[in-house]
N, C-alpha and C. Protein backbone atom coordinates (compact mmCIF):
# COMPACT_ATOMS: atom_id res chain seq x y z
N MET A 1 174.80 119.68 218.62
CA MET A 1 175.63 118.76 217.95
C MET A 1 176.70 118.20 218.95
N ALA A 2 176.86 116.90 218.91
CA ALA A 2 177.92 116.27 219.88
C ALA A 2 179.27 116.57 219.25
N ARG A 3 180.18 116.77 220.31
CA ARG A 3 181.60 116.93 219.91
C ARG A 3 182.22 115.53 219.58
N LYS A 4 183.21 115.57 218.75
CA LYS A 4 183.88 114.35 218.40
C LYS A 4 184.46 113.62 219.62
N GLY A 5 184.14 112.31 219.69
CA GLY A 5 184.58 111.54 220.89
C GLY A 5 183.63 111.58 222.02
N LYS A 6 182.65 112.40 222.10
CA LYS A 6 181.69 112.47 223.27
C LYS A 6 180.83 111.48 223.39
N ASP A 7 180.36 110.83 222.29
CA ASP A 7 179.53 109.70 222.36
C ASP A 7 180.05 108.37 222.76
N LYS A 8 181.32 108.25 222.73
CA LYS A 8 181.93 106.93 223.12
C LYS A 8 182.01 106.75 224.59
N LYS A 9 181.63 105.57 225.01
CA LYS A 9 181.66 105.13 226.47
C LYS A 9 183.08 104.89 226.78
N PRO A 10 183.53 105.39 227.90
CA PRO A 10 184.93 105.00 228.38
C PRO A 10 185.04 103.45 228.51
N GLU A 11 186.19 102.90 228.09
CA GLU A 11 186.41 101.47 228.30
C GLU A 11 186.76 101.24 229.70
N ARG A 12 186.11 100.31 230.28
CA ARG A 12 186.22 99.87 231.79
C ARG A 12 187.45 98.92 231.81
N LYS A 13 188.45 99.31 232.54
CA LYS A 13 189.66 98.40 232.70
C LYS A 13 189.70 98.03 234.14
N VAL A 14 189.93 96.74 234.44
CA VAL A 14 190.18 96.25 235.78
C VAL A 14 191.62 96.42 236.09
N LYS A 15 192.10 96.93 237.19
CA LYS A 15 193.42 97.07 237.60
C LYS A 15 193.91 95.63 237.95
N PRO A 16 195.02 95.21 237.43
CA PRO A 16 195.55 93.79 237.92
C PRO A 16 195.63 93.76 239.48
N THR A 17 195.07 92.73 240.01
CA THR A 17 195.03 92.50 241.43
C THR A 17 195.35 91.05 241.60
N ALA A 18 196.23 90.80 242.58
CA ALA A 18 196.42 89.41 243.14
C ALA A 18 195.19 89.01 243.76
N ALA A 19 194.66 87.78 243.50
CA ALA A 19 193.44 87.36 244.03
C ALA A 19 193.43 85.82 244.18
N ILE A 20 192.75 85.36 245.30
CA ILE A 20 192.45 84.00 245.42
C ILE A 20 190.95 83.87 245.62
N ARG A 21 190.43 83.05 244.77
CA ARG A 21 188.91 82.88 244.96
C ARG A 21 188.57 81.44 244.58
N PRO A 22 187.51 80.86 245.26
CA PRO A 22 187.20 79.50 244.97
C PRO A 22 186.61 79.36 243.56
N ALA A 23 187.01 78.36 242.78
CA ALA A 23 186.58 78.23 241.51
C ALA A 23 185.07 77.89 241.48
N ALA A 24 184.65 77.36 242.59
CA ALA A 24 183.12 77.01 242.71
C ALA A 24 182.23 78.25 242.65
N THR A 25 182.88 79.44 242.96
CA THR A 25 182.04 80.61 242.89
C THR A 25 181.92 81.19 241.53
N VAL A 26 182.60 80.66 240.54
CA VAL A 26 182.46 81.15 239.20
C VAL A 26 181.40 80.33 238.46
N ILE A 27 180.60 80.96 237.73
CA ILE A 27 179.52 80.33 237.00
C ILE A 27 179.91 79.71 235.73
N TRP A 28 179.32 78.50 235.37
CA TRP A 28 179.70 77.84 234.12
C TRP A 28 178.76 78.65 233.00
N ASP A 29 179.62 78.86 231.87
CA ASP A 29 179.06 79.54 230.69
C ASP A 29 179.22 78.67 229.47
N GLU A 30 178.29 78.77 228.57
CA GLU A 30 178.38 78.00 227.27
C GLU A 30 178.89 78.99 226.18
N PRO A 31 180.15 79.05 225.87
CA PRO A 31 180.69 80.06 224.97
C PRO A 31 180.19 79.94 223.54
N PRO A 32 180.21 80.93 222.65
CA PRO A 32 179.80 80.88 221.30
C PRO A 32 180.58 79.77 220.52
N ALA A 33 179.98 79.18 219.64
CA ALA A 33 180.62 78.11 218.74
C ALA A 33 180.93 76.82 219.54
N HIS A 34 180.29 76.67 220.72
CA HIS A 34 180.43 75.44 221.53
C HIS A 34 179.04 74.82 221.56
N TYR A 35 178.96 73.55 221.29
CA TYR A 35 177.62 72.97 221.14
C TYR A 35 177.46 71.62 222.00
N GLY A 36 176.16 71.33 222.20
CA GLY A 36 175.86 70.09 222.79
C GLY A 36 176.14 69.94 224.26
N GLY A 37 176.36 70.86 225.08
CA GLY A 37 176.68 70.70 226.47
C GLY A 37 178.20 70.94 226.73
N ALA A 38 178.77 72.00 226.12
CA ALA A 38 180.15 72.29 226.28
C ALA A 38 180.19 73.58 227.18
N PHE A 39 180.72 73.46 228.34
CA PHE A 39 180.71 74.58 229.32
C PHE A 39 182.13 74.94 229.73
N SER A 40 182.17 76.24 230.07
CA SER A 40 183.68 76.67 230.57
C SER A 40 183.37 77.62 231.79
N LYS A 41 184.42 77.58 232.73
CA LYS A 41 184.48 78.57 233.76
C LYS A 41 185.61 79.48 233.50
N LEU A 42 185.35 80.79 233.26
CA LEU A 42 186.40 81.76 232.93
C LEU A 42 187.09 82.10 234.32
N LEU A 43 188.13 81.55 234.68
CA LEU A 43 188.64 81.72 236.02
C LEU A 43 189.62 82.90 236.09
N VAL A 44 190.47 83.17 235.06
CA VAL A 44 191.32 84.32 235.01
C VAL A 44 191.10 84.98 233.61
N ARG A 45 190.61 86.35 233.71
CA ARG A 45 190.47 87.06 232.46
C ARG A 45 190.75 88.49 232.76
N PRO A 46 191.00 89.35 231.75
CA PRO A 46 191.13 90.75 231.98
C PRO A 46 189.98 91.43 232.77
N GLU A 47 188.80 90.93 232.51
CA GLU A 47 187.56 91.51 233.17
C GLU A 47 187.43 91.04 234.56
N SER A 48 188.08 89.92 235.02
CA SER A 48 187.87 89.44 236.40
C SER A 48 188.88 89.86 237.24
N CYS A 49 190.16 89.92 236.78
CA CYS A 49 191.21 90.22 237.73
C CYS A 49 192.25 91.26 237.12
N GLY A 50 191.96 91.65 235.91
CA GLY A 50 192.94 92.50 235.23
C GLY A 50 194.13 91.88 234.56
N SER A 51 194.03 90.61 234.32
CA SER A 51 195.12 89.87 233.67
C SER A 51 195.46 90.58 232.34
N LYS A 52 196.72 90.77 232.10
CA LYS A 52 197.06 91.48 230.83
C LYS A 52 197.33 90.53 229.78
N SER A 53 197.66 89.28 230.07
CA SER A 53 197.98 88.40 228.86
C SER A 53 197.44 86.95 228.95
N ILE A 54 196.73 86.58 230.01
CA ILE A 54 196.34 85.27 230.17
C ILE A 54 194.76 85.18 230.35
N ASP A 55 194.26 84.16 229.58
CA ASP A 55 192.82 83.75 229.86
C ASP A 55 193.09 82.29 230.28
N TYR A 56 192.47 81.91 231.45
CA TYR A 56 192.62 80.60 232.01
C TYR A 56 191.26 80.12 232.39
N ARG A 57 190.97 79.03 231.78
CA ARG A 57 189.60 78.40 232.02
C ARG A 57 189.57 77.03 232.17
N ILE A 58 188.58 76.47 232.79
CA ILE A 58 188.46 75.03 232.93
C ILE A 58 187.11 74.75 232.20
N SER A 59 187.11 73.65 231.43
CA SER A 59 186.03 73.38 230.61
C SER A 59 185.61 71.92 230.78
N VAL A 60 184.26 71.61 230.59
CA VAL A 60 183.71 70.37 230.68
C VAL A 60 182.76 70.24 229.51
N TYR A 61 183.11 69.15 228.73
CA TYR A 61 182.24 68.85 227.47
C TYR A 61 181.45 67.49 227.86
N GLN A 62 180.17 67.60 227.79
CA GLN A 62 179.41 66.32 227.92
C GLN A 62 179.50 65.48 226.69
N PRO A 63 179.17 64.16 226.81
CA PRO A 63 179.26 63.30 225.60
C PRO A 63 178.61 63.98 224.40
N ARG A 64 179.28 63.93 223.20
CA ARG A 64 178.83 64.44 221.98
C ARG A 64 178.98 66.01 221.89
N ALA A 65 179.40 66.70 222.89
CA ALA A 65 179.61 68.13 222.82
C ALA A 65 180.95 68.44 222.12
N TYR A 66 180.99 69.54 221.62
CA TYR A 66 182.28 69.96 220.78
C TYR A 66 182.27 71.46 220.59
N VAL A 67 183.56 71.90 220.22
CA VAL A 67 183.74 73.23 219.69
C VAL A 67 184.05 73.14 218.26
N ALA A 68 183.36 73.94 217.49
CA ALA A 68 183.49 73.88 216.03
C ALA A 68 184.88 74.31 215.63
N PRO A 69 185.38 73.80 214.42
CA PRO A 69 186.74 74.16 213.89
C PRO A 69 186.86 75.64 213.84
N HIS A 70 188.02 76.19 214.36
CA HIS A 70 188.20 77.68 214.37
C HIS A 70 189.76 77.85 214.54
N LYS A 71 190.14 79.10 214.38
CA LYS A 71 191.48 79.43 214.57
C LYS A 71 191.74 80.87 215.29
N HIS A 72 192.71 81.10 215.87
CA HIS A 72 192.94 82.42 216.48
C HIS A 72 194.19 83.03 215.74
N ARG A 73 193.97 84.30 215.31
CA ARG A 73 194.97 84.90 214.60
C ARG A 73 196.24 85.21 215.26
N ILE A 74 196.22 85.75 216.52
CA ILE A 74 197.52 85.97 217.25
C ILE A 74 197.64 85.17 218.49
N GLN A 75 196.63 84.52 218.98
CA GLN A 75 196.66 83.83 220.21
C GLN A 75 197.20 82.45 220.13
N GLU A 76 198.01 82.00 221.09
CA GLU A 76 198.31 80.65 221.28
C GLU A 76 197.69 80.00 222.47
N GLN A 77 197.38 78.71 222.34
CA GLN A 77 196.61 78.06 223.43
C GLN A 77 197.42 76.73 223.87
N VAL A 78 197.10 76.43 225.15
CA VAL A 78 197.56 75.17 225.66
C VAL A 78 196.25 74.52 226.30
N TYR A 79 196.01 73.15 225.88
CA TYR A 79 194.98 72.40 226.52
C TYR A 79 195.60 71.40 227.36
N HIS A 80 195.13 71.18 228.56
CA HIS A 80 195.51 70.06 229.32
C HIS A 80 194.31 69.16 229.74
N VAL A 81 194.25 67.93 229.37
CA VAL A 81 193.20 67.12 229.63
C VAL A 81 193.22 66.53 231.02
N LEU A 82 192.21 66.76 231.83
CA LEU A 82 192.23 66.30 233.23
C LEU A 82 191.43 65.03 233.45
N GLU A 83 190.40 64.83 232.62
CA GLU A 83 189.55 63.64 232.77
C GLU A 83 188.91 63.37 231.39
N GLY A 84 188.64 62.09 231.15
CA GLY A 84 187.96 61.81 229.90
C GLY A 84 188.86 61.50 228.72
N GLU A 85 188.15 61.56 227.54
CA GLU A 85 188.69 61.24 226.22
C GLU A 85 187.97 61.91 225.15
N GLY A 86 188.66 62.36 224.14
CA GLY A 86 187.95 62.95 223.07
C GLY A 86 188.87 63.02 221.76
N LEU A 87 188.54 63.69 220.71
CA LEU A 87 189.28 63.91 219.53
C LEU A 87 189.62 65.33 219.32
N MET A 88 190.86 65.60 219.24
CA MET A 88 191.43 66.85 219.04
C MET A 88 191.75 67.06 217.56
N GLU A 89 191.19 67.96 216.82
CA GLU A 89 191.39 68.12 215.41
C GLU A 89 192.32 69.31 215.25
N LEU A 90 193.50 69.17 214.64
CA LEU A 90 194.55 70.18 214.30
C LEU A 90 194.76 70.19 212.90
N GLU A 91 194.45 71.35 212.21
CA GLU A 91 194.54 71.42 210.74
C GLU A 91 193.95 70.22 209.92
N GLY A 92 192.77 69.82 210.36
CA GLY A 92 192.09 68.68 209.71
C GLY A 92 192.48 67.24 210.11
N LYS A 93 193.52 67.10 210.89
CA LYS A 93 193.96 65.84 211.37
C LYS A 93 193.47 65.54 212.80
N ARG A 94 192.74 64.46 213.04
CA ARG A 94 192.09 64.09 214.33
C ARG A 94 192.96 63.15 215.09
N THR A 95 193.15 63.41 216.35
CA THR A 95 193.96 62.61 217.25
C THR A 95 193.27 62.33 218.45
N VAL A 96 193.27 61.10 218.98
CA VAL A 96 192.59 60.87 220.31
C VAL A 96 193.33 61.53 221.45
N VAL A 97 192.74 62.25 222.34
CA VAL A 97 193.34 62.92 223.49
C VAL A 97 192.73 62.28 224.73
N ARG A 98 193.53 62.06 225.75
CA ARG A 98 193.12 61.41 227.13
C ARG A 98 193.63 62.15 228.20
N LYS A 99 193.27 61.70 229.39
CA LYS A 99 193.78 62.33 230.68
C LYS A 99 195.31 62.48 230.61
N ASP A 100 195.74 63.60 231.02
CA ASP A 100 197.17 63.93 231.20
C ASP A 100 197.80 64.41 229.84
N ASP A 101 197.08 64.41 228.76
CA ASP A 101 197.63 64.80 227.40
C ASP A 101 197.71 66.36 227.43
N VAL A 102 198.70 66.92 226.89
CA VAL A 102 198.85 68.42 226.77
C VAL A 102 198.96 68.67 225.32
N ILE A 103 198.16 69.65 224.85
CA ILE A 103 198.19 70.06 223.45
C ILE A 103 198.57 71.56 223.28
N PHE A 104 199.49 71.83 222.48
CA PHE A 104 199.92 73.23 222.21
C PHE A 104 199.44 73.61 220.84
N ILE A 105 198.78 74.76 220.79
CA ILE A 105 198.17 75.21 219.45
C ILE A 105 198.69 76.62 219.11
N PRO A 106 199.56 76.65 218.14
CA PRO A 106 200.19 77.95 217.77
C PRO A 106 199.07 78.85 217.08
N PRO A 107 199.37 80.19 217.08
CA PRO A 107 198.43 81.10 216.37
C PRO A 107 198.23 80.68 214.86
N GLY A 108 197.08 80.82 214.37
CA GLY A 108 196.70 80.50 213.05
C GLY A 108 196.35 79.07 212.75
N THR A 109 196.44 78.15 213.69
CA THR A 109 196.22 76.73 213.58
C THR A 109 194.67 76.42 213.80
N GLU A 110 194.05 75.90 212.76
CA GLU A 110 192.64 75.53 212.87
C GLU A 110 192.54 74.25 213.77
N HIS A 111 191.61 74.36 214.78
CA HIS A 111 191.57 73.32 215.75
C HIS A 111 190.04 73.21 216.16
N ALA A 112 189.81 72.08 216.73
CA ALA A 112 188.45 71.67 217.29
C ALA A 112 188.63 70.62 218.27
N LEU A 113 187.69 70.46 219.17
CA LEU A 113 187.69 69.32 220.13
C LEU A 113 186.34 68.72 220.19
N TYR A 114 186.19 67.41 220.18
CA TYR A 114 184.96 66.68 220.22
C TYR A 114 185.05 65.69 221.34
N ASN A 115 183.95 65.61 222.13
CA ASN A 115 183.84 64.61 223.21
C ASN A 115 183.21 63.41 222.45
N THR A 116 184.09 62.37 222.18
CA THR A 116 183.48 61.14 221.56
C THR A 116 183.31 60.08 222.51
N GLY A 117 183.59 60.38 223.83
CA GLY A 117 183.45 59.30 224.86
C GLY A 117 182.06 59.24 225.43
N MET A 118 181.90 58.37 226.41
CA MET A 118 180.62 58.15 227.05
C MET A 118 180.54 58.87 228.33
N THR A 119 181.58 59.56 228.86
CA THR A 119 181.58 60.36 229.89
C THR A 119 182.15 61.71 229.57
N ASP A 120 181.99 62.65 230.48
CA ASP A 120 182.47 64.02 230.33
C ASP A 120 184.01 64.06 230.10
N ILE A 121 184.45 65.01 229.32
CA ILE A 121 185.78 65.33 229.18
C ILE A 121 186.06 66.69 229.88
N LYS A 122 187.06 66.76 230.76
CA LYS A 122 187.35 67.88 231.48
C LYS A 122 188.77 68.33 231.13
N PHE A 123 188.99 69.66 230.83
CA PHE A 123 190.36 70.15 230.54
C PHE A 123 190.41 71.60 230.85
N VAL A 124 191.79 71.95 230.97
CA VAL A 124 192.09 73.39 231.23
C VAL A 124 192.57 73.88 229.86
N VAL A 125 192.21 75.20 229.64
CA VAL A 125 192.72 75.93 228.43
C VAL A 125 193.33 77.20 228.89
N VAL A 126 194.59 77.43 228.52
CA VAL A 126 195.26 78.74 228.67
C VAL A 126 195.46 79.38 227.35
N THR A 127 195.02 80.54 227.30
CA THR A 127 195.19 81.39 226.01
C THR A 127 196.03 82.71 226.23
N SER A 128 196.89 82.92 225.37
CA SER A 128 197.61 84.14 225.48
C SER A 128 197.97 84.70 224.06
N PRO A 129 197.76 86.00 223.88
CA PRO A 129 197.18 86.93 224.79
C PRO A 129 195.74 86.66 225.04
N ALA A 130 195.17 87.25 226.08
CA ALA A 130 193.76 86.91 226.51
C ALA A 130 192.72 87.35 225.54
N ASP A 131 192.95 88.57 225.00
CA ASP A 131 192.00 88.97 223.92
C ASP A 131 192.56 89.13 222.63
N GLU A 132 191.79 88.90 221.68
CA GLU A 132 192.31 89.07 220.21
C GLU A 132 191.49 90.07 219.51
């Protein structure tokens, strides 16, 4: 008979480490609830460098790609549009976003992003805390 707690795998934590690495070495991923060619590179995460409070990613959505409406219970986010154009939906209200726009999303705010343009939309997303 196994003793209490013996069957659990130890949680693997990465020690926070200052690091410089080329973003080109990080693979593109299609996160859950992202559709139609919505890709992200997870550049700073607890798993990659031991960040305690920041998730920093760069995302590219191809034309017609989107992330479905969702919200984060305790996380806040900042989006910074680098290229292209799309529609940001905040609490059901849609607003056109373009290059150089910055969007702040407080915890509990339902949001979505749609690429409605003819070219890719490229943007940075910073999320804190990193994990919910």
